[in-house]
C-alpha atoms as a PDB file:
ATOM      1  CA  MET A   1      27.511 -39.197 -66.374  1.00  0.00           C
ATOM      2  CA  GLU A   2      24.135 -37.819 -67.351  1.00  0.00           C
ATOM      3  CA  LYS A   3      23.719 -34.210 -68.571  1.00  0.00           C
ATOM      4  CA  GLN A   4      21.493 -32.396 -66.198  1.00  0.00           C
ATOM      5  CA  THR A   5      18.603 -31.463 -67.691  1.00  0.00           C
ATOM      6  CA  GLY A   6      14.976 -31.785 -66.375  1.00  0.00           C
ATOM      7  CA  VAL A   7      13.647 -32.581 -62.907  1.00  0.00           C
ATOM      8  CA  VAL A   8      15.968 -33.648 -59.892  1.00  0.00           C
ATOM      9  CA  GLY A   9      15.028 -37.368 -58.723  1.00  0.00           C
ATOM     10  CA  GLY A  10      11.399 -37.524 -60.327  1.00  0.00           C
ATOM     11  CA  GLY A  11      10.369 -34.152 -58.381  1.00  0.00           C
ATOM     12  CA  ASN A  12       9.574 -30.906 -59.626  1.00  0.00           C
ATOM     13  CA  LEU A  13      12.891 -28.854 -58.645  1.00  0.00           C
ATOM     14  CA  THR A  14      15.459 -28.891 -61.901  1.00  0.00           C
ATOM     15  CA  TYR A  15      19.044 -28.583 -61.478  1.00  0.00           C
ATOM     16  CA  GLU A  16      19.422 -25.536 -62.647  1.00  0.00           C
ATOM     17  CA  GLU A  17      16.978 -24.226 -59.539  1.00  0.00           C
ATOM     18  CA  LEU A  18      18.880 -26.295 -57.208  1.00  0.00           C
ATOM     19  CA  ILE A  19      22.134 -24.381 -58.532  1.00  0.00           C
ATOM     20  CA  ALA A  20      20.156 -21.152 -58.142  1.00  0.00           C
ATOM     21  CA  ARG A  21      19.430 -22.096 -53.938  1.00  0.00           C
ATOM     22  CA  ALA A  22      23.185 -22.557 -53.639  1.00  0.00           C
ATOM     23  CA  SER A  23      24.057 -19.291 -55.038  1.00  0.00           C
ATOM     24  CA  GLU A  24      21.936 -17.601 -52.939  1.00  0.00           C
ATOM     25  CA  VAL A  25      23.478 -18.471 -50.069  1.00  0.00           C
ATOM     26  CA  ALA A  26      27.451 -18.020 -51.532  1.00  0.00           C
ATOM     27  CA  VAL A  27      27.880 -14.936 -50.853  1.00  0.00           C
ATOM     28  CA  LEU A  28      30.631 -13.462 -48.862  1.00  0.00           C
ATOM     29  CA  TYR A  29      30.637 -12.238 -45.213  1.00  0.00           C
ATOM     30  CA  ARG A  30      33.624 -11.093 -44.017  1.00  0.00           C
ATOM     31  CA  SER A  31      32.507 -11.036 -39.565  1.00  0.00           C
ATOM     32  CA  SER A  32      36.246 -10.765 -38.719  1.00  0.00           C
ATOM     33  CA  ASN A  33      39.625  -9.987 -40.223  1.00  0.00           C
ATOM     34  CA  HIS A  34      39.749 -13.778 -39.309  1.00  0.00           C
ATOM     35  CA  CYS A  35      37.007 -15.195 -40.784  1.00  0.00           C
ATOM     36  CA  ASP A  36      35.330 -15.363 -44.246  1.00  0.00           C
ATOM     37  CA  ALA A  37      31.578 -17.066 -44.460  1.00  0.00           C
ATOM     38  CA  GLY A  38      30.101 -17.887 -47.872  1.00  0.00           C
ATOM     39  CA  LEU A  39      32.975 -18.240 -50.409  1.00  0.00           C
ATOM     40  CA  VAL A  40      30.936 -21.594 -51.303  1.00  0.00           C
ATOM     41  CA  GLY A  41      27.189 -21.884 -50.632  1.00  0.00           C
ATOM     42  CA  ALA A  42      25.900 -25.704 -51.601  1.00  0.00           C
ATOM     43  CA  ALA A  43      22.110 -26.927 -51.851  1.00  0.00           C
ATOM     44  CA  VAL A  44      20.748 -30.565 -50.438  1.00  0.00           C
ATOM     45  CA  LEU A  45      17.783 -31.676 -51.893  1.00  0.00           C
ATOM     46  CA  ALA A  46      16.397 -33.925 -48.601  1.00  0.00           C
ATOM     47  CA  GLU A  47      14.320 -37.184 -49.930  1.00  0.00           C
ATOM     48  CA  SER A  48      11.485 -35.773 -48.571  1.00  0.00           C
ATOM     49  CA  GLY A  49      11.683 -32.620 -51.164  1.00  0.00           C
ATOM     50  CA  VAL A  50      12.820 -30.110 -48.296  1.00  0.00           C
ATOM     51  CA  VAL A  51      15.979 -28.108 -49.659  1.00  0.00           C
ATOM     52  CA  TYR A  52      18.912 -27.143 -47.140  1.00  0.00           C
ATOM     53  CA  THR A  53      21.308 -24.706 -47.898  1.00  0.00           C
ATOM     54  CA  GLY A  54      24.812 -23.849 -46.190  1.00  0.00           C
ATOM     55  CA  CYS A  55      27.637 -21.673 -46.688  1.00  0.00           C
ATOM     56  CA  SER A  56      31.261 -22.231 -46.354  1.00  0.00           C
ATOM     57  CA  VAL A  57      33.605 -20.682 -43.264  1.00  0.00           C
ATOM     58  CA  ASP A  58      37.361 -20.050 -43.436  1.00  0.00           C
ATOM     59  CA  LEU A  59      39.105 -18.768 -40.384  1.00  0.00           C
ATOM     60  CA  ARG A  60      42.635 -17.601 -40.799  1.00  0.00           C
ATOM     61  CA  CYS A  61      43.987 -20.361 -38.444  1.00  0.00           C
ATOM     62  CA  GLY A  62      42.747 -23.215 -40.711  1.00  0.00           C
ATOM     63  CA  ILE A  63      39.740 -23.784 -38.881  1.00  0.00           C
ATOM     64  CA  GLY A  64      36.701 -24.079 -41.180  1.00  0.00           C
ATOM     65  CA  PHE A  65      34.190 -26.603 -43.138  1.00  0.00           C
ATOM     66  CA  CYS A  66      32.648 -26.883 -46.619  1.00  0.00           C
ATOM     67  CA  ALA A  67      29.382 -25.619 -47.391  1.00  0.00           C
ATOM     68  CA  GLU A  68      27.602 -29.383 -48.289  1.00  0.00           C
ATOM     69  CA  HIS A  69      28.670 -29.798 -44.150  1.00  0.00           C
ATOM     70  CA  SER A  70      26.841 -26.558 -43.161  1.00  0.00           C
ATOM     71  CA  ALA A  71      24.091 -27.645 -45.340  1.00  0.00           C
ATOM     72  CA  VAL A  72      24.017 -31.589 -44.115  1.00  0.00           C
ATOM     73  CA  ALA A  73      24.297 -30.178 -40.621  1.00  0.00           C
ATOM     74  CA  GLU A  74      21.241 -28.321 -41.124  1.00  0.00           C
ATOM     75  CA  MET A  75      19.223 -31.325 -42.698  1.00  0.00           C
ATOM     76  CA  LEU A  76      20.600 -34.024 -39.493  1.00  0.00           C
ATOM     77  CA  LYS A  77      19.011 -31.324 -37.352  1.00  0.00           C
ATOM     78  CA  HIS A  78      15.858 -32.176 -39.136  1.00  0.00           C
ATOM     79  CA  HIS A  79      15.858 -35.593 -38.936  1.00  0.00           C
ATOM     80  CA  GLU A  80      16.618 -36.400 -42.528  1.00  0.00           C
ATOM     81  CA  ALA A  81      19.773 -38.863 -44.099  1.00  0.00           C
ATOM     82  CA  ARG A  82      19.107 -39.158 -47.473  1.00  0.00           C
ATOM     83  CA  VAL A  83      19.868 -37.614 -50.346  1.00  0.00           C
ATOM     84  CA  ARG A  84      18.244 -36.694 -53.964  1.00  0.00           C
ATOM     85  CA  ALA A  85      20.399 -34.537 -55.045  1.00  0.00           C
ATOM     86  CA  PHE A  86      23.294 -31.741 -54.111  1.00  0.00           C
ATOM     87  CA  VAL A  87      25.461 -28.958 -55.464  1.00  0.00           C
ATOM     88  CA  ALA A  88      28.086 -26.805 -54.458  1.00  0.00           C
ATOM     89  CA  VAL A  89      28.790 -23.153 -56.051  1.00  0.00           C
ATOM     90  CA  ASN A  90      31.881 -20.659 -55.452  1.00  0.00           C
ATOM     91  CA  ASP A  91      30.455 -16.902 -54.864  1.00  0.00           C
ATOM     92  CA  ASP A  92      31.001 -16.624 -58.787  1.00  0.00           C
ATOM     93  CA  GLY A  93      28.303 -18.876 -59.311  1.00  0.00           C
ATOM     94  CA  VAL A  94      30.738 -21.378 -60.720  1.00  0.00           C
ATOM     95  CA  VAL A  95      29.683 -24.875 -59.979  1.00  0.00           C
ATOM     96  CA  LEU A  96      32.727 -27.006 -57.804  1.00  0.00           C
ATOM     97  CA  PRO A  97      32.517 -30.792 -57.537  1.00  0.00           C
ATOM     98  CA  PRO A  98      32.545 -31.978 -53.763  1.00  0.00           C
ATOM     99  CA  CYS A  99      35.393 -32.292 -51.967  1.00  0.00           C
ATOM    100  CA  GLY A 100      36.509 -35.850 -50.582  1.00  0.00           C
ATOM    101  CA  ARG A 101      36.094 -35.070 -47.186  1.00  0.00           C
ATOM    102  CA  CYS A 102      31.944 -34.167 -48.765  1.00  0.00           C
ATOM    103  CA  ARG A 103      32.209 -37.009 -50.681  1.00  0.00           C
ATOM    104  CA  GLU A 104      32.631 -39.014 -48.136  1.00  0.00           C
ATOM    105  CA  LEU A 105      29.878 -36.800 -45.707  1.00  0.00           C
ATOM    106  CA  PHE A 106      27.296 -37.931 -47.927  1.00  0.00           C
ATOM    107  CA  TYR A 107      28.010 -41.757 -47.739  1.00  0.00           C
ATOM    108  CA  GLN A 108      28.337 -41.692 -43.791  1.00  0.00           C
ATOM    109  CA  ILE A 109      25.224 -40.239 -43.246  1.00  0.00           C
ATOM    110  CA  ASP A 110      23.252 -42.946 -45.087  1.00  0.00           C
ATOM    111  CA  PRO A 111      24.860 -45.599 -47.359  1.00  0.00           C
ATOM    112  CA  ASP A 112      21.654 -45.454 -49.908  1.00  0.00           C
ATOM    113  CA  ASN A 113      23.063 -41.728 -50.866  1.00  0.00           C
ATOM    114  CA  LEU A 114      25.513 -43.899 -52.578  1.00  0.00           C
ATOM    115  CA  ASP A 115      22.659 -42.955 -55.214  1.00  0.00           C
ATOM    116  CA  THR A 116      22.361 -39.343 -54.999  1.00  0.00           C
ATOM    117  CA  ASP A 117      22.669 -37.120 -58.094  1.00  0.00           C
ATOM    118  CA  VAL A 118      25.994 -34.745 -57.434  1.00  0.00           C
ATOM    119  CA  VAL A 119      25.918 -31.975 -59.962  1.00  0.00           C
ATOM    120  CA  VAL A 120      29.683 -31.538 -60.698  1.00  0.00           C
ATOM    121  CA  ASP A 121      29.276 -29.323 -63.767  1.00  0.00           C
ATOM    122  CA  ARG A 122      26.573 -26.802 -65.047  1.00  0.00           C
ATOM    123  CA  ASN A 123      26.314 -29.702 -67.501  1.00  0.00           C
ATOM    124  CA  GLU A 124      26.767 -32.433 -66.307  1.00  0.00           C
ATOM    125  CA  VAL A 125      25.855 -34.613 -63.422  1.00  0.00           C
ATOM    126  CA  VAL A 126      27.030 -37.300 -61.716  1.00  0.00           C
ATOM    127  CA  LYS A 127      25.794 -40.579 -59.232  1.00  0.00           C
ATOM    128  CA  LEU A 128      28.025 -40.356 -55.738  1.00  0.00           C
ATOM    129  CA  ARG A 129      29.144 -43.694 -56.147  1.00  0.00           C
ATOM    130  CA  ASP A 130      30.884 -42.821 -59.655  1.00  0.00           C
ATOM    131  CA  LEU A 131      32.513 -40.426 -57.453  1.00  0.00           C
ATOM    132  CA  LEU A 132      33.945 -42.834 -54.472  1.00  0.00           C
ATOM    133  CA  PRO A 133      34.387 -45.915 -56.486  1.00  0.00           C
ATOM    134  CA  HIS A 134      36.237 -47.661 -53.711  1.00  0.00           C
ATOM    135  CA  PRO A 135      35.197 -47.494 -50.315  1.00  0.00           C
ATOM    136  CA  TRP A 136      37.703 -48.088 -47.653  1.00  0.00           C
ATOM    137  CA  GLN A 137      35.687 -49.410 -45.130  1.00  0.00           C
ATOM    138  CA  PRO A 138      35.917 -53.344 -44.191  1.00  0.00           C
ATOM    139  CA  LYS A 139      32.823 -55.312 -45.836  1.00  0.00           C
ATOM    140  CA  HIS A 140      32.525 -56.759 -42.772  1.00  0.00           C
ATOM    141  CA  TRP A 141      31.500 -53.205 -40.893  1.00  0.00           C
ATOM    142  CA  PRO A 142      28.237 -52.822 -40.008  1.00  0.00           C
ATOM    143  CA  GLY A 143      26.005 -50.353 -42.446  1.00  0.00           C
END
């Protein structure tokens, strides 16, 4: 566990700035009586230094996806997979630790993301490997 001070991954973006980028997209948009978007926003700092953002989508029928998935899709669209840091916040600005599905997403797009900084609270940053301590994949799997 590490205090969330200074810059992210040796770059020139602070964790607080990364949180602010996620907060910019954590704004509720109700496109219909069936769809809420933006209850959660995420910001992903790619190895290149580009910040990708995304918002959650919640549909009444149960379909939807996390803000981190939206941001990762944008990142993958630009042929990037290595992440320095990421954060998710709700529309009140509260930092939310990633769910298990999101943790696994970051690992599977690039196993080197185990060393990614994950902002789990405004005052706490942990490595993804600490949130995924016991891999489920057989050791003989490639990658």
